[in-house]
Amino acid sequence: PTPTLSRATAPGARATINAFDRDPWVELKKLHGEVPLMGMPMAGTDVFIEASGAGKVITDVLQSGKAESRLTVVALHEQPVNVSFLWVMMKQMTIRGAMEYPADYNDAIELLTRWDLSPMITHRFPLDRIDEAIEVATDPNAGGKVMVDIDTEVN
């Protein structure tokens, strides 16, 4: 995988797909098989998580996902997304939005003790360079996770 995608495989993702290089629906069919729907082959993927903020991903999932699959949207969409409820109803798909801020972060902290997510960190900045950190973090081509260190100086 590309350096960006290897950030996903390093902590444990079994497969990655770069939609700029390969058709994701062809690749999903290779990974999860094909399920026919009215004579059309759909990807056999059960669950989709939309974390990109690109409305086209939602419409593609609704069009190309299999019947009874689930779509969870975790990205913020600043523009309206055209959703075909004909596809949703015909396929009996489930769509769920998720934005959670739990009162107790103990489960998340415990999870971090079991997984080394450091390969996802691509940039570190000291607090006095937070403006630069925000600029990098908002650039979709900049990399993975941007960290701001409060107590230490980082070059």
C-alpha atoms as a PDB file:
ATOM      1  CA  PRO A   1       0.000   0.000   0.000  1.00  0.00           C
ATOM      2  CA  THR A   2       0.928   3.657  -0.360  1.00  0.00           C
ATOM      3  CA  PRO A   3       2.501   5.358   2.685  1.00  0.00           C
ATOM      4  CA  THR A   4      -0.891   6.847   3.602  1.00  0.00           C
ATOM      5  CA  LEU A   5      -2.642   3.470   3.390  1.00  0.00           C
ATOM      6  CA  SER A   6       0.150   1.718   5.272  1.00  0.00           C
ATOM      7  CA  ARG A   7      -0.869   3.853   8.261  1.00  0.00           C
ATOM      8  CA  ALA A   8      -4.082   1.824   8.300  1.00  0.00           C
ATOM      9  CA  THR A   9      -2.438  -1.574   7.874  1.00  0.00           C
ATOM     10  CA  ALA A  10       0.232  -0.963  10.521  1.00  0.00           C
ATOM     11  CA  PRO A  11      -2.270  -1.013  13.428  1.00  0.00           C
ATOM     12  CA  GLY A  12      -4.207  -3.937  11.938  1.00  0.00           C
ATOM     13  CA  ALA A  13      -6.433  -3.142   8.924  1.00  0.00           C
ATOM     14  CA  ARG A  14      -6.586  -6.291   6.772  1.00  0.00           C
ATOM     15  CA  ALA A  15      -6.980  -4.469   3.458  1.00  0.00           C
ATOM     16  CA  THR A  16      -6.885  -0.948   2.042  1.00  0.00           C
ATOM     17  CA  ILE A  17      -8.201   0.494  -1.202  1.00  0.00           C
ATOM     18  CA  ASN A  18      -7.025   3.739  -2.803  1.00  0.00           C
ATOM     19  CA  ALA A  19     -10.042   4.925  -4.781  1.00  0.00           C
ATOM     20  CA  PHE A  20      -7.754   7.081  -6.944  1.00  0.00           C
ATOM     21  CA  ASP A  21      -5.885   3.989  -8.173  1.00  0.00           C
ATOM     22  CA  ARG A  22      -8.528   1.265  -8.204  1.00  0.00           C
ATOM     23  CA  ASP A  23     -12.311   1.020  -8.429  1.00  0.00           C
ATOM     24  CA  PRO A  24     -13.392   0.452  -4.818  1.00  0.00           C
ATOM     25  CA  TRP A  25     -16.449  -1.548  -5.845  1.00  0.00           C
ATOM     26  CA  VAL A  26     -14.368  -3.984  -7.896  1.00  0.00           C
ATOM     27  CA  GLU A  27     -11.993  -4.359  -4.947  1.00  0.00           C
ATOM     28  CA  LEU A  28     -14.813  -4.802  -2.414  1.00  0.00           C
ATOM     29  CA  LYS A  29     -16.290  -7.562  -4.591  1.00  0.00           C
ATOM     30  CA  LYS A  30     -12.884  -9.262  -4.577  1.00  0.00           C
ATOM     31  CA  LEU A  31     -12.672  -8.970  -0.771  1.00  0.00           C
ATOM     32  CA  HIS A  32     -16.280  -9.792   0.166  1.00  0.00           C
ATOM     33  CA  GLY A  33     -17.714 -11.544  -2.877  1.00  0.00           C
ATOM     34  CA  GLU A  34     -20.730 -10.589  -4.971  1.00  0.00           C
ATOM     35  CA  VAL A  35     -24.399 -10.741  -4.020  1.00  0.00           C
ATOM     36  CA  PRO A  36     -26.980 -10.439  -6.823  1.00  0.00           C
ATOM     37  CA  LEU A  37     -29.810  -7.929  -6.600  1.00  0.00           C
ATOM     38  CA  MET A  38     -32.297  -8.087  -9.466  1.00  0.00           C
ATOM     39  CA  GLY A  39     -29.607  -9.589 -11.671  1.00  0.00           C
ATOM     40  CA  MET A  40     -27.011  -6.949 -10.789  1.00  0.00           C
ATOM     41  CA  PRO A  41     -23.898  -7.923  -8.791  1.00  0.00           C
ATOM     42  CA  MET A  42     -23.555  -5.921  -5.580  1.00  0.00           C
ATOM     43  CA  ALA A  43     -20.517  -5.954  -3.296  1.00  0.00           C
ATOM     44  CA  GLY A  44     -21.046  -8.470  -0.487  1.00  0.00           C
ATOM     45  CA  THR A  45     -19.926  -5.950   2.130  1.00  0.00           C
ATOM     46  CA  ASP A  46     -22.185  -5.881   5.204  1.00  0.00           C
ATOM     47  CA  VAL A  47     -21.117  -2.610   6.855  1.00  0.00           C
ATOM     48  CA  PHE A  48     -19.851   0.708   5.493  1.00  0.00           C
ATOM     49  CA  ILE A  49     -18.418   3.584   7.526  1.00  0.00           C
ATOM     50  CA  GLU A  50     -18.360   6.945   5.751  1.00  0.00           C
ATOM     51  CA  ALA A  51     -15.564   8.996   7.313  1.00  0.00           C
ATOM     52  CA  SER A  52     -14.450  11.108   4.344  1.00  0.00           C
ATOM     53  CA  GLY A  53     -17.095  13.826   4.264  1.00  0.00           C
ATOM     54  CA  ALA A  54     -17.593  13.232   0.523  1.00  0.00           C
ATOM     55  CA  GLY A  55     -21.282  12.986  -0.356  1.00  0.00           C
ATOM     56  CA  LYS A  56     -20.495  10.802  -3.369  1.00  0.00           C
ATOM     57  CA  VAL A  57     -19.403   8.024  -1.021  1.00  0.00           C
ATOM     58  CA  ILE A  58     -22.884   7.931   0.528  1.00  0.00           C
ATOM     59  CA  THR A  59     -24.650   7.842  -2.834  1.00  0.00           C
ATOM     60  CA  ASP A  60     -22.237   5.152  -4.108  1.00  0.00           C
ATOM     61  CA  VAL A  61     -22.860   2.972  -1.049  1.00  0.00           C
ATOM     62  CA  LEU A  62     -26.620   3.289  -1.438  1.00  0.00           C
ATOM     63  CA  GLN A  63     -26.405   2.418  -5.119  1.00  0.00           C
ATOM     64  CA  SER A  64     -23.767  -0.333  -5.006  1.00  0.00           C
ATOM     65  CA  GLY A  65     -24.088  -1.805  -1.509  1.00  0.00           C
ATOM     66  CA  LYS A  66     -25.921  -5.074  -1.009  1.00  0.00           C
ATOM     67  CA  ALA A  67     -29.414  -5.484   0.404  1.00  0.00           C
ATOM     68  CA  GLU A  68     -29.683  -5.212   4.191  1.00  0.00           C
ATOM     69  CA  SER A  69     -26.236  -3.622   4.514  1.00  0.00           C
ATOM     70  CA  ARG A  70     -25.599  -0.829   6.984  1.00  0.00           C
ATOM     71  CA  LEU A  71     -24.053   2.595   6.478  1.00  0.00           C
ATOM     72  CA  THR A  72     -22.769   4.623   9.413  1.00  0.00           C
ATOM     73  CA  VAL A  73     -21.852   8.234   8.673  1.00  0.00           C
ATOM     74  CA  VAL A  74     -19.225   9.638  11.046  1.00  0.00           C
ATOM     75  CA  ALA A  75     -17.875  12.471   8.866  1.00  0.00           C
ATOM     76  CA  LEU A  76     -19.277  15.970   8.969  1.00  0.00           C
ATOM     77  CA  HIS A  77     -21.000  16.858   5.710  1.00  0.00           C
ATOM     78  CA  GLU A  78     -21.167  20.589   5.209  1.00  0.00           C
ATOM     79  CA  GLN A  79     -23.179  20.291   1.986  1.00  0.00           C
ATOM     80  CA  PRO A  80     -26.516  18.483   1.549  1.00  0.00           C
ATOM     81  CA  VAL A  81     -26.241  14.954   0.149  1.00  0.00           C
ATOM     82  CA  ASN A  82     -28.753  13.696  -2.406  1.00  0.00           C
ATOM     83  CA  VAL A  83     -30.037  10.375  -1.027  1.00  0.00           C
ATOM     84  CA  SER A  84     -32.149   7.988  -3.104  1.00  0.00           C
ATOM     85  CA  PHE A  85     -34.630   6.548  -0.659  1.00  0.00           C
ATOM     86  CA  LEU A  86     -35.799   4.254  -3.461  1.00  0.00           C
ATOM     87  CA  TRP A  87     -32.448   2.427  -3.090  1.00  0.00           C
ATOM     88  CA  VAL A  88     -32.682   2.524   0.714  1.00  0.00           C
ATOM     89  CA  MET A  89     -36.191   1.058   0.729  1.00  0.00           C
ATOM     90  CA  MET A  90     -35.620  -1.504  -2.057  1.00  0.00           C
ATOM     91  CA  LYS A  91     -32.508  -2.806  -0.343  1.00  0.00           C
ATOM     92  CA  GLN A  92     -33.838  -2.354   3.205  1.00  0.00           C
ATOM     93  CA  MET A  93     -30.586  -0.612   4.102  1.00  0.00           C
ATOM     94  CA  THR A  94     -29.893   0.976   7.459  1.00  0.00           C
ATOM     95  CA  ILE A  95     -28.323   4.451   7.646  1.00  0.00           C
ATOM     96  CA  ARG A  96     -27.055   5.799  10.934  1.00  0.00           C
ATOM     97  CA  GLY A  97     -25.298   8.993  11.859  1.00  0.00           C
ATOM     98  CA  ALA A  98     -22.841   8.824  14.728  1.00  0.00           C
ATOM     99  CA  MET A  99     -21.252  11.660  16.653  1.00  0.00           C
ATOM    100  CA  GLU A 100     -20.545  10.646  20.181  1.00  0.00           C
ATOM    101  CA  TYR A 101     -18.769  12.331  23.015  1.00  0.00           C
ATOM    102  CA  PRO A 102     -19.018   9.934  25.961  1.00  0.00           C
ATOM    103  CA  ALA A 103     -19.063  11.144  29.518  1.00  0.00           C
ATOM    104  CA  ASP A 104     -16.494   8.471  30.384  1.00  0.00           C
ATOM    105  CA  TYR A 105     -13.380   7.936  28.217  1.00  0.00           C
ATOM    106  CA  ASN A 106     -12.039   4.971  30.214  1.00  0.00           C
ATOM    107  CA  ASP A 107     -12.962   2.447  27.486  1.00  0.00           C
ATOM    108  CA  ALA A 108     -11.183   4.540  24.840  1.00  0.00           C
ATOM    109  CA  ILE A 109      -8.104   4.958  27.016  1.00  0.00           C
ATOM    110  CA  GLU A 110      -8.033   1.216  27.749  1.00  0.00           C
ATOM    111  CA  LEU A 111      -8.299   0.491  24.010  1.00  0.00           C
ATOM    112  CA  LEU A 112      -5.262   2.704  23.368  1.00  0.00           C
ATOM    113  CA  THR A 113      -3.228   0.564  25.764  1.00  0.00           C
ATOM    114  CA  ARG A 114      -3.884  -2.482  23.543  1.00  0.00           C
ATOM    115  CA  TRP A 115      -3.122  -0.919  20.144  1.00  0.00           C
ATOM    116  CA  ASP A 116      -0.062   0.980  18.980  1.00  0.00           C
ATOM    117  CA  LEU A 117      -1.562   3.755  16.870  1.00  0.00           C
ATOM    118  CA  SER A 118       1.679   5.747  16.641  1.00  0.00           C
ATOM    119  CA  PRO A 119       2.150   4.876  12.921  1.00  0.00           C
ATOM    120  CA  MET A 120      -0.879   7.078  12.242  1.00  0.00           C
ATOM    121  CA  ILE A 121       0.865  10.175  13.662  1.00  0.00           C
ATOM    122  CA  THR A 122       2.464  12.026  10.752  1.00  0.00           C
ATOM    123  CA  HIS A 123       3.108  15.478  12.225  1.00  0.00           C
ATOM    124  CA  ARG A 124       3.974  16.870  15.663  1.00  0.00           C
ATOM    125  CA  PHE A 125       3.968  20.541  16.611  1.00  0.00           C
ATOM    126  CA  PRO A 126       4.670  22.458  19.824  1.00  0.00           C
ATOM    127  CA  LEU A 127       1.784  24.492  21.188  1.00  0.00           C
ATOM    128  CA  ASP A 128       3.276  27.776  19.949  1.00  0.00           C
ATOM    129  CA  ARG A 129       2.919  26.489  16.351  1.00  0.00           C
ATOM    130  CA  ILE A 130      -0.737  25.490  16.695  1.00  0.00           C
ATOM    131  CA  ASP A 131      -1.773  27.654  13.716  1.00  0.00           C
ATOM    132  CA  GLU A 132       0.582  25.650  11.492  1.00  0.00           C
ATOM    133  CA  ALA A 133      -0.717  22.399  13.001  1.00  0.00           C
ATOM    134  CA  ILE A 134      -4.311  23.366  12.199  1.00  0.00           C
ATOM    135  CA  GLU A 135      -3.319  24.277   8.651  1.00  0.00           C
ATOM    136  CA  VAL A 136      -1.696  20.863   8.147  1.00  0.00           C
ATOM    137  CA  ALA A 137      -4.620  19.059   9.800  1.00  0.00           C
ATOM    138  CA  THR A 138      -7.107  20.664   7.418  1.00  0.00           C
ATOM    139  CA  ASP A 139      -5.104  19.701   4.329  1.00  0.00           C
ATOM    140  CA  PRO A 140      -6.594  16.409   3.028  1.00  0.00           C
ATOM    141  CA  ASN A 141      -3.271  15.529   1.361  1.00  0.00           C
ATOM    142  CA  ALA A 142      -1.022  16.222   4.352  1.00  0.00           C
ATOM    143  CA  GLY A 143      -1.103  12.798   5.931  1.00  0.00           C
ATOM    144  CA  GLY A 144      -2.570  11.178   8.997  1.00  0.00           C
ATOM    145  CA  LYS A 145      -2.894  12.416  12.545  1.00  0.00           C
ATOM    146  CA  VAL A 146      -1.518  15.805  13.609  1.00  0.00           C
ATOM    147  CA  MET A 147      -0.460  16.068  17.248  1.00  0.00           C
ATOM    148  CA  VAL A 148       0.085  19.230  19.267  1.00  0.00           C
ATOM    149  CA  ASP A 149       2.481  18.688  22.159  1.00  0.00           C
ATOM    150  CA  ILE A 150       1.694  20.966  25.059  1.00  0.00           C
ATOM    151  CA  ASP A 151       4.658  20.295  27.348  1.00  0.00           C
ATOM    152  CA  THR A 152       7.564  19.700  24.957  1.00  0.00           C
ATOM    153  CA  GLU A 153       9.255  21.517  22.142  1.00  0.00           C
ATOM    154  CA  VAL A 154       9.211  19.630  18.835  1.00  0.00           C
ATOM    155  CA  ASN A 155      11.089  20.630  15.686  1.00  0.00           C
END
